[in-house]
Amino acid sequence: MKTFKQNKIAIALFASIITLGLGSPAFAQGTPSTPVSDGGVTPYIIDGANPGGNRTCAEVGTAFFGDADYYEFSSDRVNYEDGTFTALFPTGLTVTTDGTKVSFDSSFGIGAAIVKGSDDANVYVYYPQVNSDSGLASPPNASGKPAGLSNLTFCWNPEDQDPQWCSPGYWRQPHHLDSWVATGISPDESYSDYFGAVQLTKKGKTDNATNDPTLLQVLQSPQWYGGDAFNKVGDLLSEAHPDVNYRGARIEDSCPLD
C-alpha cells in the first residue's frame, strides 16, 4: 500500500498572500501556539472535525489558504508508540524524534507538518515549502511543556521540476526491485490487471510464452511481449512512484532513482 495520498486537483494560486519573514502565510484561522520551530515558524492550533485533536491536510488548507484541496499530497497519519513510528513515511522523507521534539529532512518540499500530542495538534505551515526543520512539537499541556508526541502528518504540493522517467530497463534490474515498493505495485501482479490481455509476439507464440504474464515477466521478456507492453510497464511504475516527476513523456537518462 502506498504511504502517500494523491488527489488529482488544480492547485489554486494565491498571489495575493503576503508572507512573513518566518516563512508562513500572514493569515490563519487559528490560535498561535508554541514552540516556535528552529526554522522560526510559529505553529497554530486550528479547528477541525475530530474532537480528539487530529487534524487533516484538508483542514490545514482551509484554515491557511481558504481551500480544502490546497495540498495535493499528504502522508498517512503516522502514530508514535512505545518509542517508534508505527508506519513508514513517504520515500525521501526522514523523520526523527525524542518523543517530544520532531525533526524532518526531505528530498521534496514540505508545505505543512501536523504535530499531534494529547488532545490537540500544532500545525506548522511553510510558505514557501522547505526541505527541513527541527524543534517541532505538540501544544503545551497543563505542565506548560509540549505534550508527548502522538502522531504526525505531512502535507505538500509538487514543485516545478523537469519531467522524469525511469525506463523499463531500470525497473527490471534485480537490484532495483526495491524501488517498486514506493509505487504500491508488486512485480508479481498480472499485466492484464492494468492493461488487459497482452499480445504475444511471433517469438512469444513460437516459444509458448504464457499469455498471462506478470509485470516483471513483461519487463524481462520484451521479445515475447513486445516493446509497447514493455514501455507501458515502465510508464506505469514511473507515474506511481512519488519521487519520479513523470508527465507522460519518456525522457531518456532522466530517472532520479538510485
Protein backbone atom coordinates (compact mmCIF):
# COMPACT_ATOMS: atom_id res chain seq x y z
CA MET A 1 0.00 0.00 0.00
CA LYS A 2 1.22 3.46 -0.82
CA THR A 3 2.35 5.66 2.05
CA PHE A 4 1.04 8.80 0.44
CA LYS A 5 -2.32 10.09 -0.78
CA GLN A 6 -2.69 11.79 -4.15
CA ASN A 7 -5.68 13.85 -5.22
CA LYS A 8 -5.97 14.98 -8.84
CA ILE A 9 -6.64 18.69 -8.38
CA ALA A 10 -5.73 22.05 -9.80
CA ILE A 11 -3.66 23.95 -7.25
CA ALA A 12 -5.07 27.40 -6.57
CA LEU A 13 -2.71 30.33 -6.94
CA PHE A 14 -2.57 32.70 -4.00
CA ALA A 15 -0.55 35.53 -5.48
CA SER A 16 -2.04 37.98 -3.02
CA ILE A 17 -0.73 36.17 0.06
CA ILE A 18 1.83 38.27 1.91
CA THR A 19 4.36 36.07 3.63
CA LEU A 20 6.03 36.68 6.95
CA GLY A 21 9.77 36.57 7.43
CA LEU A 22 9.18 33.35 9.31
CA GLY A 23 8.11 31.59 6.14
CA SER A 24 4.40 31.04 6.82
CA PRO A 25 1.25 32.78 5.49
CA ALA A 26 0.33 36.05 7.11
CA PHE A 27 -3.16 34.84 7.98
CA ALA A 28 -4.61 31.74 9.53
CA GLN A 29 -7.93 30.78 11.07
CA GLY A 30 -6.47 29.56 14.31
CA THR A 31 -4.62 30.38 17.51
CA PRO A 32 -0.85 30.96 17.61
CA SER A 33 0.90 28.35 19.73
CA THR A 34 4.33 27.24 20.87
CA PRO A 35 7.03 26.11 20.49
CA VAL A 36 8.34 28.08 17.52
CA SER A 37 10.39 25.72 15.36
CA ASP A 38 14.15 26.05 14.97
CA GLY A 39 13.41 27.40 11.50
CA GLY A 40 11.38 30.24 13.03
CA VAL A 41 7.87 29.02 12.18
CA THR A 42 5.11 29.72 14.69
CA PRO A 43 2.62 26.85 14.93
CA TYR A 44 -1.15 27.31 15.03
CA ILE A 45 -3.94 25.34 16.66
CA ILE A 46 -6.84 25.15 14.20
CA ASP A 47 -10.41 23.89 14.38
CA GLY A 48 -11.29 20.51 12.94
CA ALA A 49 -13.88 17.78 12.86
CA ASN A 50 -12.05 15.39 15.17
CA PRO A 51 -12.74 16.18 18.86
CA GLY A 52 -9.53 14.43 19.89
CA GLY A 53 -7.36 16.99 18.12
CA ASN A 54 -6.34 15.09 15.00
CA ARG A 55 -6.20 17.45 12.03
CA THR A 56 -6.07 16.77 8.30
CA CYS A 57 -4.28 18.43 5.40
CA ALA A 58 -7.70 19.46 4.06
CA GLU A 59 -8.38 21.31 7.31
CA VAL A 60 -4.95 22.96 7.14
CA GLY A 61 -5.62 24.06 3.57
CA THR A 62 -8.94 25.57 4.61
CA ALA A 63 -7.52 27.36 7.66
CA PHE A 64 -4.48 28.87 5.96
CA PHE A 65 -5.45 29.21 2.30
CA GLY A 66 -9.24 29.01 2.20
CA ASP A 67 -9.10 25.84 0.11
CA ALA A 68 -9.58 22.30 1.41
CA ASP A 69 -7.89 20.98 -1.76
CA TYR A 70 -4.86 23.22 -1.47
CA TYR A 71 -2.43 20.37 -0.75
CA GLU A 72 -2.14 17.78 -3.49
CA PHE A 73 -0.24 15.25 -1.37
CA SER A 74 -0.34 14.13 2.22
CA SER A 75 1.37 11.39 4.16
CA ASP A 76 -0.62 8.90 6.13
CA ARG A 77 -1.14 9.88 9.75
CA VAL A 78 1.75 8.05 11.42
CA ASN A 79 1.38 7.19 15.10
CA TYR A 80 4.27 7.23 17.56
CA GLU A 81 4.00 4.44 20.12
CA ASP A 82 6.49 2.88 22.55
CA GLY A 83 9.39 4.86 21.14
CA THR A 84 8.84 4.08 17.46
CA PHE A 85 6.74 5.14 14.48
CA THR A 86 4.11 2.56 13.57
CA ALA A 87 4.28 3.12 9.80
CA LEU A 88 6.62 4.40 7.11
CA PHE A 89 6.82 7.96 5.87
CA PRO A 90 6.94 8.59 2.12
CA THR A 91 10.20 7.77 0.33
CA GLY A 92 12.56 10.73 0.63
CA LEU A 93 11.15 11.98 3.95
CA THR A 94 13.19 11.22 7.06
CA VAL A 95 11.70 12.00 10.48
CA THR A 96 13.33 11.75 13.90
CA THR A 97 12.02 12.45 17.38
CA ASP A 98 12.95 12.08 21.02
CA GLY A 99 9.29 11.56 21.84
CA THR A 100 8.59 15.28 22.09
CA LYS A 101 10.64 17.37 19.64
CA VAL A 102 10.45 16.45 15.94
CA SER A 103 12.88 17.00 13.07
CA PHE A 104 12.41 16.23 9.40
CA ASP A 105 14.62 16.19 6.32
CA SER A 106 13.04 15.72 2.91
CA SER A 107 14.14 15.38 -0.71
CA PHE A 108 10.95 17.26 -1.70
CA GLY A 109 9.41 20.41 -0.30
CA ILE A 110 7.13 20.15 2.74
CA GLY A 111 4.22 22.57 3.00
CA ALA A 112 2.88 21.71 6.46
CA ALA A 113 3.53 19.44 9.42
CA ILE A 114 0.75 18.46 11.82
CA VAL A 115 2.22 17.52 15.20
CA LYS A 116 -0.36 15.90 17.49
CA GLY A 117 0.01 15.26 21.21
CA SER A 118 -2.56 14.73 23.95
CA ASP A 119 -5.85 16.25 22.73
CA ASP A 120 -4.54 18.91 20.35
CA ALA A 121 -2.20 19.47 17.41
CA ASN A 122 0.25 22.15 16.36
CA VAL A 123 0.21 22.97 12.66
CA TYR A 124 3.47 24.27 11.19
CA VAL A 125 2.91 25.77 7.73
CA TYR A 126 5.80 26.51 5.34
CA TYR A 127 5.24 29.07 2.61
CA PRO A 128 7.26 28.61 0.50
CA GLN A 129 7.83 24.92 1.12
CA VAL A 130 11.01 23.77 2.87
CA ASN A 131 13.12 20.62 2.87
CA SER A 132 13.89 20.51 6.58
CA ASP A 133 13.09 21.90 10.00
CA SER A 134 13.54 20.87 13.62
CA GLY A 135 12.23 21.70 17.06
CA LEU A 136 8.61 20.98 16.15
CA ALA A 137 6.35 19.78 18.97
CA SER A 138 2.73 19.42 20.01
CA PRO A 139 0.99 22.17 22.03
CA PRO A 140 1.85 22.65 25.70
CA ASN A 141 -0.19 20.67 28.21
CA ALA A 142 -1.11 21.65 31.77
CA SER A 143 2.56 21.50 32.77
CA GLY A 144 3.37 24.26 30.33
CA LYS A 145 5.60 21.93 28.32
CA PRO A 146 4.80 20.27 24.99
CA ALA A 147 2.76 17.11 25.29
CA GLY A 148 4.37 13.86 24.22
CA LEU A 149 4.12 13.07 20.52
CA SER A 150 1.05 11.05 19.45
CA ASN A 151 1.18 11.23 15.65
CA LEU A 152 2.45 13.18 12.64
CA THR A 153 1.04 14.13 9.26
CA PHE A 154 2.85 15.98 6.45
CA CYS A 155 1.26 17.95 3.61
CA TRP A 156 2.86 19.22 0.41
CA ASN A 157 2.48 20.19 -3.22
CA PRO A 158 4.64 19.05 -6.15
CA GLU A 159 7.33 21.55 -7.07
CA ASP A 160 8.21 22.67 -10.56
CA GLN A 161 10.92 20.41 -11.92
CA ASP A 162 11.97 18.84 -15.19
CA PRO A 163 9.98 15.83 -16.43
CA GLN A 164 11.41 12.47 -15.39
CA TRP A 165 11.00 8.86 -16.45
CA CYS A 166 12.55 5.59 -15.33
CA SER A 167 12.87 3.20 -18.24
CA PRO A 168 11.61 -0.39 -18.30
CA GLY A 169 15.26 -1.42 -18.27
CA TYR A 170 15.64 0.28 -14.90
CA TRP A 171 12.62 -1.41 -13.31
CA ARG A 172 13.56 -4.93 -14.40
CA GLN A 173 17.01 -4.93 -12.80
CA PRO A 174 17.17 -7.19 -9.70
CA HIS A 175 18.98 -4.50 -7.71
CA HIS A 176 16.18 -2.02 -8.49
CA LEU A 177 13.28 -4.17 -7.35
CA ASP A 178 13.27 -2.33 -4.03
CA SER A 179 12.20 0.79 -5.94
CA TRP A 180 8.87 -0.90 -6.67
CA VAL A 181 7.89 -0.70 -3.00
CA ALA A 182 7.08 3.03 -3.02
CA THR A 183 4.83 2.58 -6.07
CA GLY A 184 2.45 0.25 -4.24
CA ILE A 185 2.71 -2.12 -7.21
CA SER A 186 4.12 -5.64 -6.96
CA PRO A 187 6.31 -7.23 -9.65
CA ASP A 188 4.10 -10.30 -9.33
CA GLU A 189 0.89 -8.52 -10.29
CA SER A 190 -0.63 -9.52 -13.60
CA TYR A 191 -0.06 -7.29 -16.62
CA SER A 192 -3.68 -7.83 -17.62
CA ASP A 193 -4.90 -6.28 -14.36
CA TYR A 194 -3.61 -2.93 -15.62
CA PHE A 195 -3.67 -3.13 -19.41
CA GLY A 196 -5.87 -6.04 -20.42
CA ALA A 197 -4.72 -9.08 -22.37
CA VAL A 198 -1.17 -8.92 -23.71
CA GLN A 199 -0.44 -9.62 -27.37
CA LEU A 200 2.27 -12.21 -27.83
CA THR A 201 4.90 -11.58 -30.47
CA LYS A 202 5.63 -14.19 -33.11
CA LYS A 203 8.54 -15.43 -31.00
CA GLY A 204 6.34 -15.50 -27.92
CA LYS A 205 3.89 -17.76 -29.70
CA THR A 206 6.67 -19.98 -31.03
CA ASP A 207 8.22 -20.31 -27.57
CA ASN A 208 4.83 -20.97 -25.93
CA ALA A 209 5.16 -17.96 -23.61
CA THR A 210 2.41 -17.53 -21.03
CA ASN A 211 -0.38 -15.25 -22.19
CA ASP A 212 -0.96 -14.03 -18.64
CA PRO A 213 2.46 -12.70 -17.60
CA THR A 214 3.30 -10.69 -14.52
CA LEU A 215 4.53 -7.13 -14.86
CA LEU A 216 8.07 -8.29 -14.20
CA GLN A 217 7.84 -11.05 -16.80
CA VAL A 218 6.84 -8.48 -19.42
CA LEU A 219 9.90 -6.44 -18.49
CA GLN A 220 12.19 -9.45 -18.56
CA SER A 221 10.97 -10.78 -21.92
CA PRO A 222 10.17 -8.00 -24.42
CA GLN A 223 10.97 -10.47 -27.21
CA TRP A 224 7.79 -12.32 -26.17
CA TYR A 225 5.51 -9.43 -25.24
CA GLY A 226 6.68 -6.58 -27.47
CA GLY A 227 8.07 -3.12 -27.00
CA ASP A 228 4.70 -1.48 -26.43
CA ALA A 229 3.89 -3.64 -23.40
CA PHE A 230 7.49 -3.26 -22.21
CA ASN A 231 7.23 0.56 -22.23
CA LYS A 232 3.75 0.61 -20.71
CA VAL A 233 5.05 -1.07 -17.56
CA GLY A 234 7.86 1.48 -17.32
CA ASP A 235 5.32 4.29 -17.65
CA LEU A 236 3.05 2.74 -15.03
CA LEU A 237 5.81 2.47 -12.42
CA SER A 238 7.24 5.92 -13.18
CA GLU A 239 3.82 7.52 -12.72
CA ALA A 240 3.17 5.63 -9.47
CA HIS A 241 6.49 6.44 -7.79
CA PRO A 242 6.26 9.57 -5.60
CA ASP A 243 9.86 10.60 -6.36
CA VAL A 244 9.55 10.45 -10.15
CA ASN A 245 8.10 13.55 -11.83
CA TYR A 246 6.58 11.61 -14.71
CA ARG A 247 4.43 13.74 -17.02
CA GLY A 248 3.73 11.27 -19.81
CA ALA A 249 6.95 11.73 -21.79
CA ARG A 250 9.70 9.13 -22.00
CA ILE A 251 12.79 11.21 -21.26
CA GLU A 252 15.96 9.15 -21.59
CA ASP A 253 18.55 9.39 -18.79
CA SER A 254 16.16 11.34 -16.54
CA CYS A 255 15.46 8.76 -13.83
CA PRO A 256 16.11 10.29 -10.36
CA LEU A 257 16.18 6.96 -8.53
CA ASP A 258 19.38 5.17 -7.48
